[in-house]
């Protein structure tokens, strides 16, 4: 995922392998930022908890570059 005007965030909102949006995280409340996040359907790696949190902080309006 690339943010417009920002550095690349290494988190895939949609699984490249199966197209699922679901994710699974082991103990997210106490997990460190480096905790891997997997696809809930196929188990493919999607990123880290830290990258997901950064994506959430960035706001949905910045998720995609403007193609105008």
N, C-alpha and C. Protein backbone atom coordinates (compact mmCIF):
# COMPACT_ATOMS: atom_id res chain seq x y z
N UNK A 1 0.86 -1.17 0.00
CA UNK A 1 0.00 0.00 0.00
C UNK A 1 0.90 1.22 0.00
N UNK A 2 0.66 2.17 -0.89
CA UNK A 2 1.47 3.38 -0.98
C UNK A 2 0.59 4.58 -0.67
N UNK A 3 1.07 5.41 0.22
CA UNK A 3 0.35 6.62 0.56
C UNK A 3 0.87 7.77 -0.29
N UNK A 4 -0.03 8.62 -0.74
CA UNK A 4 0.37 9.77 -1.53
C UNK A 4 1.23 10.70 -0.67
N UNK A 5 2.43 11.01 -1.16
CA UNK A 5 3.31 11.93 -0.44
C UNK A 5 3.91 11.37 0.82
N UNK A 6 3.89 10.08 0.99
CA UNK A 6 4.43 9.47 2.21
C UNK A 6 5.24 8.24 1.84
N UNK A 7 5.93 7.70 2.83
CA UNK A 7 6.69 6.48 2.58
C UNK A 7 5.76 5.29 2.46
N UNK A 8 6.26 4.23 1.88
CA UNK A 8 5.44 3.03 1.66
C UNK A 8 5.15 2.34 2.98
N UNK A 9 3.90 1.94 3.15
CA UNK A 9 3.49 1.17 4.31
C UNK A 9 3.33 -0.27 3.88
N UNK A 10 4.01 -1.17 4.54
CA UNK A 10 4.04 -2.57 4.14
C UNK A 10 2.87 -3.35 4.75
N UNK A 11 1.67 -3.03 4.33
CA UNK A 11 0.50 -3.80 4.75
C UNK A 11 -0.44 -3.95 3.57
N UNK A 12 -0.89 -5.15 3.33
CA UNK A 12 -1.79 -5.43 2.20
C UNK A 12 -3.21 -5.54 2.73
N UNK A 13 -4.07 -4.60 2.35
CA UNK A 13 -5.45 -4.63 2.82
C UNK A 13 -6.23 -5.77 2.19
N UNK A 14 -5.87 -6.15 0.97
CA UNK A 14 -6.49 -7.28 0.27
C UNK A 14 -5.40 -8.31 0.02
N UNK A 15 -5.68 -9.55 0.35
CA UNK A 15 -4.70 -10.63 0.17
C UNK A 15 -4.38 -10.83 -1.30
N UNK A 16 -3.08 -10.83 -1.63
CA UNK A 16 -2.64 -11.07 -3.01
C UNK A 16 -2.93 -12.50 -3.45
N UNK A 17 -2.97 -13.42 -2.50
CA UNK A 17 -3.15 -14.84 -2.84
C UNK A 17 -4.60 -15.24 -3.10
N UNK A 18 -5.52 -14.74 -2.24
CA UNK A 18 -6.91 -15.22 -2.36
C UNK A 18 -7.95 -14.11 -2.47
N UNK A 19 -7.55 -12.86 -2.30
CA UNK A 19 -8.48 -11.75 -2.43
C UNK A 19 -9.29 -11.44 -1.18
N UNK A 20 -9.02 -12.12 -0.08
CA UNK A 20 -9.76 -11.92 1.16
C UNK A 20 -9.38 -10.61 1.84
N UNK A 21 -10.33 -10.05 2.58
CA UNK A 21 -10.07 -8.87 3.40
C UNK A 21 -9.78 -9.24 4.85
N UNK A 22 -10.15 -10.45 5.26
CA UNK A 22 -10.02 -10.89 6.65
C UNK A 22 -8.57 -11.09 7.06
N UNK A 23 -8.27 -10.75 8.31
CA UNK A 23 -6.93 -10.94 8.86
C UNK A 23 -7.01 -11.65 10.19
N UNK A 24 -5.89 -12.25 10.60
CA UNK A 24 -5.82 -12.84 11.94
C UNK A 24 -4.52 -12.42 12.60
N UNK A 25 -4.65 -12.07 13.88
CA UNK A 25 -3.53 -11.60 14.69
C UNK A 25 -3.60 -12.33 16.02
N UNK A 26 -2.49 -12.90 16.44
CA UNK A 26 -2.45 -13.57 17.74
C UNK A 26 -2.29 -12.53 18.84
N UNK A 27 -3.24 -12.45 19.75
CA UNK A 27 -3.21 -11.55 20.92
C UNK A 27 -2.87 -10.11 20.55
N UNK A 28 -3.71 -9.43 19.77
CA UNK A 28 -3.38 -8.08 19.30
C UNK A 28 -3.23 -7.04 20.41
N UNK A 29 -3.89 -7.26 21.55
CA UNK A 29 -3.83 -6.27 22.63
C UNK A 29 -2.42 -6.13 23.20
N UNK A 30 -1.71 -7.24 23.29
CA UNK A 30 -0.38 -7.20 23.92
C UNK A 30 0.75 -7.49 22.93
N UNK A 31 0.44 -7.59 21.66
CA UNK A 31 1.43 -7.95 20.65
C UNK A 31 2.36 -6.78 20.32
N UNK A 32 3.63 -7.07 20.08
CA UNK A 32 4.56 -6.00 19.66
C UNK A 32 4.30 -5.59 18.21
N UNK A 33 4.84 -4.44 17.83
CA UNK A 33 4.65 -3.90 16.49
C UNK A 33 5.10 -4.86 15.39
N UNK A 34 6.09 -5.69 15.67
CA UNK A 34 6.65 -6.60 14.66
C UNK A 34 5.83 -7.88 14.48
N UNK A 35 4.73 -8.03 15.20
CA UNK A 35 3.89 -9.22 15.10
C UNK A 35 3.35 -9.38 13.69
N UNK A 36 3.58 -10.53 13.07
CA UNK A 36 3.06 -10.73 11.70
C UNK A 36 1.55 -10.88 11.69
N UNK A 37 0.94 -10.36 10.63
CA UNK A 37 -0.50 -10.50 10.41
C UNK A 37 -0.67 -11.39 9.19
N UNK A 38 -1.57 -12.35 9.31
CA UNK A 38 -1.82 -13.30 8.22
C UNK A 38 -3.23 -13.15 7.69
N UNK A 39 -3.42 -13.62 6.48
CA UNK A 39 -4.75 -13.67 5.88
C UNK A 39 -5.58 -14.68 6.67
N UNK A 40 -6.81 -14.31 6.99
CA UNK A 40 -7.68 -15.21 7.74
C UNK A 40 -8.13 -16.41 6.91
N UNK A 41 -8.16 -16.26 5.59
CA UNK A 41 -8.63 -17.35 4.73
C UNK A 41 -7.51 -18.32 4.37
N UNK A 42 -6.38 -17.80 3.87
CA UNK A 42 -5.35 -18.71 3.35
C UNK A 42 -4.04 -18.71 4.14
N UNK A 43 -3.88 -17.79 5.10
CA UNK A 43 -2.69 -17.76 5.93
C UNK A 43 -1.49 -17.04 5.32
N UNK A 44 -1.67 -16.41 4.16
CA UNK A 44 -0.57 -15.68 3.52
C UNK A 44 -0.19 -14.46 4.37
N UNK A 45 1.08 -14.09 4.40
CA UNK A 45 1.49 -12.90 5.15
C UNK A 45 0.92 -11.63 4.52
N UNK A 46 0.45 -10.72 5.39
CA UNK A 46 -0.14 -9.47 4.90
C UNK A 46 0.61 -8.24 5.38
N UNK A 47 1.47 -8.39 6.39
CA UNK A 47 2.20 -7.27 6.95
C UNK A 47 2.42 -7.48 8.42
N UNK A 48 2.68 -6.39 9.13
CA UNK A 48 2.90 -6.46 10.58
C UNK A 48 1.84 -5.64 11.30
N UNK A 49 1.72 -5.87 12.59
CA UNK A 49 0.78 -5.10 13.39
C UNK A 49 1.15 -3.62 13.37
N UNK A 50 2.44 -3.32 13.39
CA UNK A 50 2.88 -1.94 13.32
C UNK A 50 2.47 -1.26 12.03
N UNK A 51 2.59 -1.97 10.90
CA UNK A 51 2.20 -1.38 9.62
C UNK A 51 0.69 -1.19 9.53
N UNK A 52 -0.07 -2.10 10.12
CA UNK A 52 -1.52 -1.95 10.16
C UNK A 52 -1.92 -0.75 11.00
N UNK A 53 -1.29 -0.59 12.15
CA UNK A 53 -1.58 0.56 13.02
C UNK A 53 -1.23 1.88 12.32
N UNK A 54 -0.11 1.91 11.62
CA UNK A 54 0.29 3.12 10.89
C UNK A 54 -0.71 3.42 9.78
N UNK A 55 -1.17 2.40 9.09
CA UNK A 55 -2.18 2.57 8.06
C UNK A 55 -3.46 3.15 8.66
N UNK A 56 -3.86 2.66 9.81
CA UNK A 56 -5.07 3.16 10.48
C UNK A 56 -4.90 4.62 10.90
N UNK A 57 -3.71 4.98 11.37
CA UNK A 57 -3.46 6.36 11.78
C UNK A 57 -3.41 7.32 10.59
N UNK A 58 -3.05 6.82 9.42
CA UNK A 58 -2.89 7.69 8.24
C UNK A 58 -4.22 8.19 7.70
N UNK A 59 -5.29 7.49 7.97
CA UNK A 59 -6.60 7.91 7.50
C UNK A 59 -6.93 7.34 6.13
N UNK A 60 -8.16 7.00 5.92
CA UNK A 60 -8.60 6.35 4.69
C UNK A 60 -8.44 7.25 3.47
N UNK A 61 -8.51 8.55 3.60
CA UNK A 61 -8.42 9.44 2.45
C UNK A 61 -7.03 9.44 1.83
N UNK A 62 -6.02 8.96 2.56
CA UNK A 62 -4.66 8.94 2.05
C UNK A 62 -4.24 7.58 1.52
N UNK A 63 -5.12 6.61 1.49
CA UNK A 63 -4.75 5.25 1.10
C UNK A 63 -4.26 5.14 -0.34
N UNK A 64 -4.87 5.87 -1.24
CA UNK A 64 -4.56 5.71 -2.65
C UNK A 64 -4.10 7.02 -3.25
N UNK A 65 -3.17 6.94 -4.15
CA UNK A 65 -2.71 8.14 -4.84
C UNK A 65 -3.83 8.66 -5.73
N UNK A 66 -3.91 9.95 -5.87
CA UNK A 66 -4.91 10.57 -6.73
C UNK A 66 -4.48 10.39 -8.18
N UNK A 67 -5.34 9.86 -9.01
CA UNK A 67 -5.00 9.60 -10.40
C UNK A 67 -5.47 10.69 -11.36
N UNK A 68 -5.86 11.84 -10.85
CA UNK A 68 -6.33 12.95 -11.72
C UNK A 68 -5.21 13.55 -12.52
